[in-house]
Amino acid sequence: MKKHIVIGVSGGIAAYKALDIVSGLRKRDIGINVILTKNACEFVTPLSFQTLSNNYVVTDTFQEPKAWEVEHISLAKKASLILIAPATANVIGKVANGIADDMLTTTIMAARCPIVFAPAMNTNMYNNPIVQENIQFLRSKGYYFIEPESGWLACGDLGKGKLPKPEVIIEEVLKHMNQNQDLEGKNILVTAGPTVEAIDPMRYITNHSSGKMGYAIAQQAAVRGASVKLISGPTHLQCPPYVEKIGIQSAVDMQQAVNANFQWADIIIKAAAVADYRPIEESKHKIKKANQDITLTLTRNPDILQELGRKKANKILVGFAAETKDLISYAKEKIMKKNLDFIVANNINEKGAGFKEDTNVVSIIDKEGNINHYPMMSKVELANIILDKIKDRSAIMNSFR
């Protein structure tokens, strides 16, 4: 089926460069629909884009539709990819905050395909902390960004903020658009977040896990075509689209949920931070403060990962190791003890690698002892590296069957 791209043009001086982007993509036999924001129409005309794209141009949510269908839904379904070039601070901020008040932002909200922003703006605007927070937030949600170039800007300032050359943008677009559904047909079980171990009806033992890494893996696995179940402890995160979430509280809850879905899964990724201990007895009533100290007796929680390692057979099993010292030696020990295919290890004290960060810094060690060290990157980027390694291992295992 012919590829189709929706190009959103927002209101910046670089809007004229989008004409060359449309022309270049059309030469590659890619279908194009263009959406111009109201402000973009002050810089470029719809007729120019209509001529180059050989298709009608949308400028207004309420303009008369070209077919009897809800247009922003229709465009979102048709798109293999949505490119916003140039992407202004305004449109980035709208999408980051869930605002859908024109045809471009409503189409983005309705889309399932990859969405790529090519920011272009004054260098001071681009470096504004609010703009950078919006960009980082969108990256963490799986949106892609093409870095602006540095140089003389239209306003006369010198710095980062120029829209890259059209050919650079076209190559980036083709790279993202050609990401195929390489995990289609795979059943992937992901665990994420903390567990909560009750002391009494008011108090509990838990840890600092945010669930962000596991949720990013689940999200990207679904984007790449896998059937995904996410077993999650309590978090403030939204379940990614097309992922089935199974909410749990305690380590025993997680153990039961994992065992119930074990046969279904081809691949199990244990990214959850499961509490090692729980109170040996949960008080039915709130423990009242007294004039003396109290002793809380703990018992071991089940080692879910080790149980899975004993029975995994031909399944791929991936673990995580969050440490504060001796990272590699502990991770290697865990691989052997728990029969993992590979482990993702990070030092939680390292800058950019903490539980609540949108980034991570890891080393990945496989059961053969190979070690790959990775610099700080978004958890979404790391999720795809982990999934690539799973795909490669799956191919190797299948070749020996």
Protein backbone atom coordinates (compact mmCIF):
# COMPACT_ATOMS: atom_id res chain seq x y z
CA MET A 1 0.00 0.00 0.00
CA LYS A 2 1.26 3.47 -0.90
CA LYS A 3 2.78 5.43 2.00
CA HIS A 4 1.01 8.63 3.00
CA ILE A 5 2.32 11.54 5.06
CA VAL A 6 0.45 14.41 6.65
CA ILE A 7 2.64 17.52 6.82
CA GLY A 8 1.65 20.16 9.33
CA VAL A 9 3.03 23.64 8.68
CA SER A 10 2.88 26.08 11.58
CA GLY A 11 3.43 29.82 11.58
CA GLY A 12 7.13 30.57 11.32
CA ILE A 13 9.33 32.27 8.74
CA ALA A 14 10.75 28.83 7.83
CA ALA A 15 7.32 27.77 6.53
CA TYR A 16 8.48 28.34 2.95
CA LYS A 17 11.02 25.51 3.33
CA ALA A 18 8.14 23.07 3.78
CA LEU A 19 7.43 23.52 0.05
CA ASP A 20 10.73 21.79 -0.77
CA ILE A 21 9.96 19.04 1.75
CA VAL A 22 6.60 18.36 0.06
CA SER A 23 8.24 18.37 -3.37
CA GLY A 24 11.03 16.00 -2.28
CA LEU A 25 8.64 13.49 -0.72
CA ARG A 26 6.32 13.56 -3.72
CA LYS A 27 9.29 12.62 -5.94
CA ARG A 28 9.59 9.47 -3.82
CA ASP A 29 6.02 8.53 -4.73
CA ILE A 30 4.67 9.31 -1.27
CA GLY A 31 1.14 10.67 -0.94
CA ILE A 32 0.93 14.02 0.85
CA ASN A 33 -1.78 15.94 2.66
CA VAL A 34 -0.85 19.36 4.02
CA ILE A 35 -2.42 21.09 7.00
CA LEU A 36 -1.64 24.80 7.38
CA THR A 37 -2.31 26.55 10.66
CA LYS A 38 -3.96 29.96 10.52
CA ASN A 39 -0.63 31.64 11.28
CA ALA A 40 1.18 29.61 8.61
CA CYS A 41 -1.16 31.10 6.00
CA GLU A 42 0.40 34.50 6.76
CA PHE A 43 3.75 33.19 5.44
CA VAL A 44 2.77 30.77 2.64
CA THR A 45 -0.31 30.16 0.51
CA PRO A 46 -2.44 27.00 0.43
CA LEU A 47 -2.36 27.07 -3.38
CA SER A 48 1.43 26.52 -3.42
CA PHE A 49 1.13 23.40 -1.30
CA GLN A 50 -1.91 22.19 -3.21
CA THR A 51 0.04 22.41 -6.47
CA LEU A 52 3.11 20.59 -5.14
CA SER A 53 1.23 17.90 -3.19
CA ASN A 54 -1.37 17.35 -5.91
CA ASN A 55 -3.90 17.22 -3.09
CA TYR A 56 -6.25 19.55 -1.29
CA VAL A 57 -4.87 21.58 1.64
CA VAL A 58 -6.65 21.90 4.97
CA THR A 59 -6.50 25.24 6.74
CA ASP A 60 -9.60 25.32 8.95
CA THR A 61 -11.27 22.76 11.19
CA PHE A 62 -14.66 23.98 10.00
CA GLN A 63 -14.04 24.37 6.28
CA GLU A 64 -16.33 22.39 4.00
CA PRO A 65 -15.02 18.79 3.91
CA LYS A 66 -13.89 17.21 0.65
CA ALA A 67 -15.63 13.96 1.56
CA TRP A 68 -18.40 12.98 3.97
CA GLU A 69 -16.17 11.96 6.84
CA VAL A 70 -14.72 13.49 9.99
CA GLU A 71 -11.68 15.04 8.40
CA HIS A 72 -9.14 15.08 11.23
CA ILE A 73 -9.95 11.42 11.99
CA SER A 74 -9.74 10.54 8.30
CA LEU A 75 -6.33 12.21 7.91
CA ALA A 76 -5.03 10.59 11.10
CA LYS A 77 -6.06 7.12 9.90
CA LYS A 78 -4.59 7.66 6.44
CA ALA A 79 -1.21 8.88 7.66
CA SER A 80 1.83 6.58 7.78
CA LEU A 81 3.55 9.48 9.57
CA ILE A 82 2.80 13.06 10.59
CA LEU A 83 5.55 15.66 10.16
CA ILE A 84 5.28 19.14 11.69
CA ALA A 85 7.76 21.42 9.90
CA PRO A 86 8.37 24.04 11.00
CA ALA A 87 7.15 23.27 14.51
CA THR A 88 6.80 26.47 16.52
CA ALA A 89 6.98 26.78 20.30
CA ASN A 90 3.23 27.35 20.18
CA VAL A 91 2.30 24.07 18.47
CA ILE A 92 4.81 22.09 20.58
CA GLY A 93 3.30 23.57 23.74
CA LYS A 94 -0.24 22.81 22.61
CA VAL A 95 0.46 19.15 21.90
CA ALA A 96 2.47 18.72 25.13
CA ASN A 97 -0.51 20.00 27.11
CA GLY A 98 -3.21 18.12 25.23
CA ILE A 99 -4.70 21.19 23.54
CA ALA A 100 -6.51 20.40 20.29
CA ASP A 101 -8.00 23.67 19.02
CA ASP A 102 -7.27 23.55 15.28
CA MET A 103 -7.06 20.97 12.50
CA LEU A 104 -3.36 20.25 13.00
CA THR A 105 -3.50 19.60 16.75
CA THR A 106 -6.74 17.60 16.55
CA THR A 107 -5.24 15.40 13.83
CA ILE A 108 -2.12 14.82 15.94
CA MET A 109 -4.27 13.83 18.94
CA ALA A 110 -6.21 11.33 16.82
CA ALA A 111 -3.14 9.72 15.22
CA ARG A 112 -1.55 6.38 15.99
CA CYS A 113 1.33 6.70 13.52
CA PRO A 114 4.82 8.10 14.27
CA ILE A 115 4.78 11.88 14.79
CA VAL A 116 7.90 13.91 14.00
CA PHE A 117 8.51 17.54 15.00
CA ALA A 118 11.08 19.72 13.26
CA PRO A 119 11.34 22.77 15.58
CA ALA A 120 12.29 26.16 14.16
CA MET A 121 12.23 29.37 16.18
CA ASN A 122 14.35 32.12 17.74
CA THR A 123 17.25 30.65 19.68
CA ASN A 124 16.12 32.23 22.97
CA MET A 125 12.66 30.73 22.50
CA TYR A 126 14.13 27.31 21.70
CA ASN A 127 16.32 27.40 24.82
CA ASN A 128 13.50 28.61 27.04
CA PRO A 129 13.12 26.08 29.89
CA ILE A 130 9.39 25.74 29.25
CA VAL A 131 9.93 24.87 25.58
CA GLN A 132 12.68 22.40 26.48
CA GLU A 133 10.48 20.76 29.14
CA ASN A 134 7.68 20.41 26.58
CA ILE A 135 10.09 18.80 24.10
CA GLN A 136 11.45 16.39 26.70
CA PHE A 137 7.92 15.51 27.82
CA LEU A 138 6.85 14.73 24.26
CA ARG A 139 10.00 12.66 23.69
CA SER A 140 9.12 10.63 26.78
CA LYS A 141 5.70 9.94 25.25
CA GLY A 142 7.19 8.57 22.04
CA TYR A 143 7.16 11.65 19.80
CA TYR A 144 10.24 12.22 17.65
CA PHE A 145 12.23 15.44 17.18
CA ILE A 146 14.65 16.53 14.48
CA GLU A 147 17.26 18.78 16.07
CA PRO A 148 17.34 22.35 14.70
CA GLU A 149 20.58 23.67 13.27
CA SER A 150 22.71 26.55 14.54
CA GLY A 151 23.42 29.69 12.52
CA TRP A 152 22.12 33.13 11.68
CA LEU A 153 18.38 33.32 12.24
CA ALA A 154 15.84 35.46 10.39
CA CYS A 155 15.60 37.79 13.39
CA GLY A 156 19.36 38.46 13.22
CA ASP A 157 20.30 36.36 16.25
CA LEU A 158 23.01 33.72 16.08
CA GLY A 159 22.28 30.36 17.68
CA LYS A 160 20.32 27.13 17.56
CA GLY A 161 16.86 27.29 16.04
CA LYS A 162 17.17 27.00 12.24
CA LEU A 163 15.03 24.48 10.41
CA PRO A 164 17.39 21.84 8.94
CA LYS A 165 17.78 21.59 5.17
CA PRO A 166 14.80 19.90 3.48
CA GLU A 167 16.92 16.92 2.40
CA VAL A 168 17.94 16.30 6.03
CA ILE A 169 14.31 16.36 7.15
CA ILE A 170 13.27 14.07 4.29
CA GLU A 171 15.88 11.47 5.27
CA GLU A 172 14.76 11.58 8.91
CA VAL A 173 11.14 11.20 7.86
CA LEU A 174 11.91 8.20 5.66
CA LYS A 175 13.86 6.57 8.50
CA HIS A 176 10.92 6.86 10.92
CA MET A 177 8.30 5.96 8.33
CA ASN A 178 10.09 2.79 7.31
CA GLN A 179 10.05 1.46 10.88
CA ASN A 180 8.04 -1.66 10.21
CA GLN A 181 5.88 -3.74 12.48
CA ASP A 182 8.83 -6.02 13.27
CA LEU A 183 7.30 -7.40 16.47
CA GLU A 184 3.95 -8.28 14.94
CA GLY A 185 2.78 -11.71 16.11
CA LYS A 186 4.80 -11.55 19.35
CA ASN A 187 3.13 -11.61 22.78
CA ILE A 188 5.12 -9.44 25.19
CA LEU A 189 4.51 -9.33 28.94
CA VAL A 190 6.01 -6.30 30.73
CA THR A 191 6.04 -5.58 34.45
CA ALA A 192 6.47 -2.01 35.70
CA GLY A 193 6.32 0.26 38.72
CA PRO A 194 6.69 -0.48 42.42
CA THR A 195 4.85 -2.95 44.61
CA VAL A 196 3.06 -1.82 47.77
CA GLU A 197 3.26 -3.99 50.90
CA ALA A 198 0.66 -3.09 53.52
CA ILE A 199 1.60 -2.60 57.18
CA ASP A 200 -1.90 -1.56 58.24
CA PRO A 201 -4.85 0.07 56.44
CA MET A 202 -2.95 3.39 56.42
CA ARG A 203 0.74 2.55 56.00
CA TYR A 204 2.84 0.49 53.60
CA ILE A 205 6.34 -0.34 52.39
CA THR A 206 7.25 0.61 48.81
CA ASN A 207 10.09 2.08 46.74
CA HIS A 208 10.80 5.03 44.43
CA SER A 209 10.00 3.31 41.13
CA SER A 210 7.94 5.55 38.81
CA GLY A 211 7.19 2.84 36.22
CA LYS A 212 8.47 5.05 33.40
CA MET A 213 10.90 2.49 31.97
CA GLY A 214 8.38 -0.34 31.85
CA TYR A 215 5.68 1.88 30.39
CA ALA A 216 8.08 3.10 27.68
CA ILE A 217 8.89 -0.51 26.75
CA ALA A 218 5.20 -1.44 26.61
CA GLN A 219 4.43 1.63 24.50
CA GLN A 220 7.18 0.98 21.94
CA ALA A 221 6.44 -2.74 21.75
CA ALA A 222 2.84 -1.90 20.83
CA VAL A 223 3.98 0.68 18.25
CA ARG A 224 6.12 -2.05 16.69
CA GLY A 225 3.17 -4.39 16.34
CA ALA A 226 3.38 -6.67 19.38
CA SER A 227 0.45 -7.73 21.53
CA VAL A 228 1.37 -6.28 24.92
CA LYS A 229 0.17 -6.87 28.47
CA LEU A 230 1.48 -4.51 31.17
CA ILE A 231 1.38 -5.68 34.78
CA SER A 232 1.83 -2.51 36.80
CA GLY A 233 2.06 -1.49 40.41
CA PRO A 234 0.60 1.89 41.43
CA THR A 235 1.88 4.77 39.26
CA HIS A 236 0.62 8.12 38.00
CA LEU A 237 1.23 7.10 34.37
CA GLN A 238 -1.42 6.57 31.72
CA CYS A 239 -1.54 3.17 30.07
CA PRO A 240 -0.11 3.43 26.53
CA PRO A 241 -2.56 2.97 23.63
CA TYR A 242 -3.21 -0.61 22.48
CA VAL A 243 -1.70 -2.06 25.66
CA GLU A 244 -3.71 -4.19 28.10
CA LYS A 245 -2.97 -3.07 31.65
CA ILE A 246 -3.31 -5.36 34.67
CA GLY A 247 -3.10 -3.33 37.88
CA ILE A 248 -1.63 -4.91 41.01
CA GLN A 249 -0.59 -3.78 44.50
CA SER A 250 1.71 -6.27 46.21
CA ALA A 251 4.51 -8.61 45.14
CA VAL A 252 2.19 -11.58 45.66
CA ASP A 253 -0.39 -9.89 43.41
CA MET A 254 2.28 -9.45 40.76
CA GLN A 255 3.40 -13.06 41.09
CA GLN A 256 -0.17 -14.27 40.53
CA ALA A 257 -0.68 -11.97 37.52
CA VAL A 258 2.62 -13.01 35.93
CA ASN A 259 1.87 -16.71 36.42
CA ALA A 260 -1.63 -16.28 34.97
CA ASN A 261 -0.15 -14.79 31.78
CA PHE A 262 3.02 -16.88 31.57
CA GLN A 263 1.80 -19.34 28.94
CA TRP A 264 0.49 -16.49 26.75
CA ALA A 265 3.82 -14.66 26.61
CA ASP A 266 6.63 -15.24 24.13
CA ILE A 267 8.77 -12.56 25.78
CA ILE A 268 8.79 -11.41 29.41
CA ILE A 269 10.43 -8.12 30.42
CA LYS A 270 10.62 -7.67 34.19
CA ALA A 271 11.11 -3.92 34.63
CA ALA A 272 9.14 -3.65 37.89
CA ALA A 273 10.86 -2.84 41.18
CA VAL A 274 9.39 -5.55 43.38
CA ALA A 275 9.77 -5.12 47.14
CA ASP A 276 12.09 -7.79 48.54
CA TYR A 277 10.24 -7.96 51.87
CA ARG A 278 6.74 -7.51 53.26
CA PRO A 279 5.37 -7.40 56.81
CA ILE A 280 4.84 -10.93 58.07
CA GLU A 281 1.42 -9.85 59.27
CA GLU A 282 -0.79 -6.99 58.12
CA SER A 283 -2.64 -5.26 60.96
CA LYS A 284 -6.38 -5.05 60.34
CA HIS A 285 -6.52 -1.73 62.18
CA LYS A 286 -4.31 1.33 62.23
CA ILE A 287 -1.33 0.82 64.52
CA LYS A 288 -1.58 3.52 67.19
CA LYS A 289 1.44 5.51 68.31
CA ALA A 290 2.71 4.41 71.71
CA ASN A 291 5.41 5.59 74.12
CA GLN A 292 7.81 2.85 73.12
CA ASP A 293 9.42 1.69 69.89
CA ILE A 294 7.80 -1.07 67.91
CA THR A 295 9.40 -3.86 65.90
CA LEU A 296 8.15 -4.60 62.41
CA THR A 297 8.89 -8.20 61.41
CA LEU A 298 9.38 -8.74 57.68
CA THR A 299 9.36 -11.86 55.55
CA ARG A 300 10.81 -12.52 52.10
CA ASN A 301 8.64 -11.85 49.08
CA PRO A 302 8.62 -14.43 46.28
CA ASP A 303 11.44 -14.03 43.77
CA ILE A 304 9.27 -13.77 40.65
CA LEU A 305 12.17 -13.42 38.23
CA GLN A 306 13.95 -16.50 39.57
CA GLU A 307 10.72 -18.51 39.31
CA LEU A 308 10.35 -17.45 35.70
CA GLY A 309 13.95 -18.37 34.96
CA ARG A 310 13.39 -21.92 36.20
CA LYS A 311 10.47 -22.55 33.85
CA LYS A 312 11.07 -20.20 30.91
CA ALA A 313 11.97 -22.92 28.36
CA ASN A 314 12.06 -21.21 24.91
CA LYS A 315 10.72 -17.87 26.10
CA ILE A 316 12.95 -14.79 26.17
CA LEU A 317 13.39 -13.41 29.68
CA VAL A 318 14.85 -9.94 30.35
CA GLY A 319 15.61 -8.56 33.81
CA PHE A 320 16.68 -5.24 35.28
CA ALA A 321 19.26 -4.46 37.95
CA ALA A 322 19.13 -1.14 39.79
CA GLU A 323 22.21 -0.84 41.98
CA THR A 324 24.26 1.76 43.83
CA LYS A 325 27.64 -0.02 43.66
CA ASP A 326 29.38 -2.98 41.96
CA LEU A 327 26.86 -2.70 39.15
CA ILE A 328 28.40 -5.08 36.61
CA SER A 329 29.33 -7.85 39.07
CA TYR A 330 25.86 -7.85 40.65
CA ALA A 331 24.20 -7.83 37.24
CA LYS A 332 26.31 -10.76 35.99
CA GLU A 333 25.47 -12.74 39.11
CA LYS A 334 21.76 -12.03 38.58
CA ILE A 335 21.88 -13.25 34.95
CA MET A 336 23.24 -16.64 35.97
CA LYS A 337 21.16 -17.07 39.11
CA LYS A 338 17.89 -16.21 37.37
CA ASN A 339 18.57 -17.70 33.91
CA LEU A 340 18.09 -14.45 32.00
CA ASP A 341 18.77 -13.88 28.32
CA PHE A 342 20.09 -10.45 29.16
CA ILE A 343 19.90 -7.82 31.88
CA VAL A 344 19.59 -4.02 31.79
CA ALA A 345 21.71 -2.59 34.62
CA ASN A 346 21.88 0.95 35.91
CA ASN A 347 23.38 2.79 38.85
CA ILE A 348 20.45 4.75 40.28
CA ASN A 349 22.84 7.29 41.84
CA GLU A 350 24.18 8.29 38.42
CA LYS A 351 22.89 11.56 37.00
CA GLY A 352 20.10 10.94 34.49
CA ALA A 353 19.54 7.34 35.59
CA GLY A 354 17.12 7.67 38.51
CA PHE A 355 13.67 6.15 38.83
CA LYS A 356 11.77 9.39 38.30
CA GLU A 357 13.87 10.62 35.35
CA ASP A 358 12.68 10.53 31.73
CA THR A 359 16.22 9.43 30.84
CA ASN A 360 18.40 6.46 31.72
CA VAL A 361 22.08 5.45 31.60
CA VAL A 362 22.56 1.70 31.38
CA SER A 363 24.77 -1.24 30.56
CA ILE A 364 23.20 -4.27 28.89
CA ILE A 365 24.82 -7.64 29.60
CA ASP A 366 23.80 -10.85 27.87
CA LYS A 367 24.09 -14.42 29.14
CA GLU A 368 27.23 -14.93 27.04
CA GLY A 369 28.95 -12.15 28.98
CA ASN A 370 28.90 -9.47 26.27
CA ILE A 371 28.55 -5.96 27.71
CA ASN A 372 27.31 -2.84 25.93
CA HIS A 373 27.47 0.52 27.70
CA TYR A 374 25.03 3.26 26.67
CA PRO A 375 25.16 7.03 27.31
CA MET A 376 22.27 8.97 28.78
CA MET A 377 19.21 8.78 26.53
CA SER A 378 15.45 8.96 26.81
CA LYS A 379 13.68 5.91 28.18
CA VAL A 380 11.77 5.68 24.91
CA GLU A 381 15.06 5.43 22.96
CA LEU A 382 16.34 2.83 25.40
CA ALA A 383 13.08 0.88 25.09
CA ASN A 384 13.72 0.47 21.36
CA ILE A 385 17.31 -0.65 21.96
CA ILE A 386 16.02 -3.32 24.38
CA LEU A 387 13.38 -4.44 21.87
CA ASP A 388 16.00 -4.57 19.09
CA LYS A 389 18.15 -6.86 21.25
CA ILE A 390 15.14 -9.07 21.96
CA LYS A 391 14.39 -9.28 18.24
CA ASP A 392 18.01 -10.24 17.48
CA ARG A 393 18.05 -12.89 20.20
CA SER A 394 14.72 -14.26 19.01
CA ALA A 395 16.16 -14.63 15.50
CA ILE A 396 19.20 -16.47 16.85
CA MET A 397 17.07 -18.81 18.99
CA ASN A 398 14.75 -19.58 16.07
CA SER A 399 17.72 -20.49 13.86
CA PHE A 400 18.64 -23.32 16.28
CA ARG A 401 15.13 -24.79 16.56
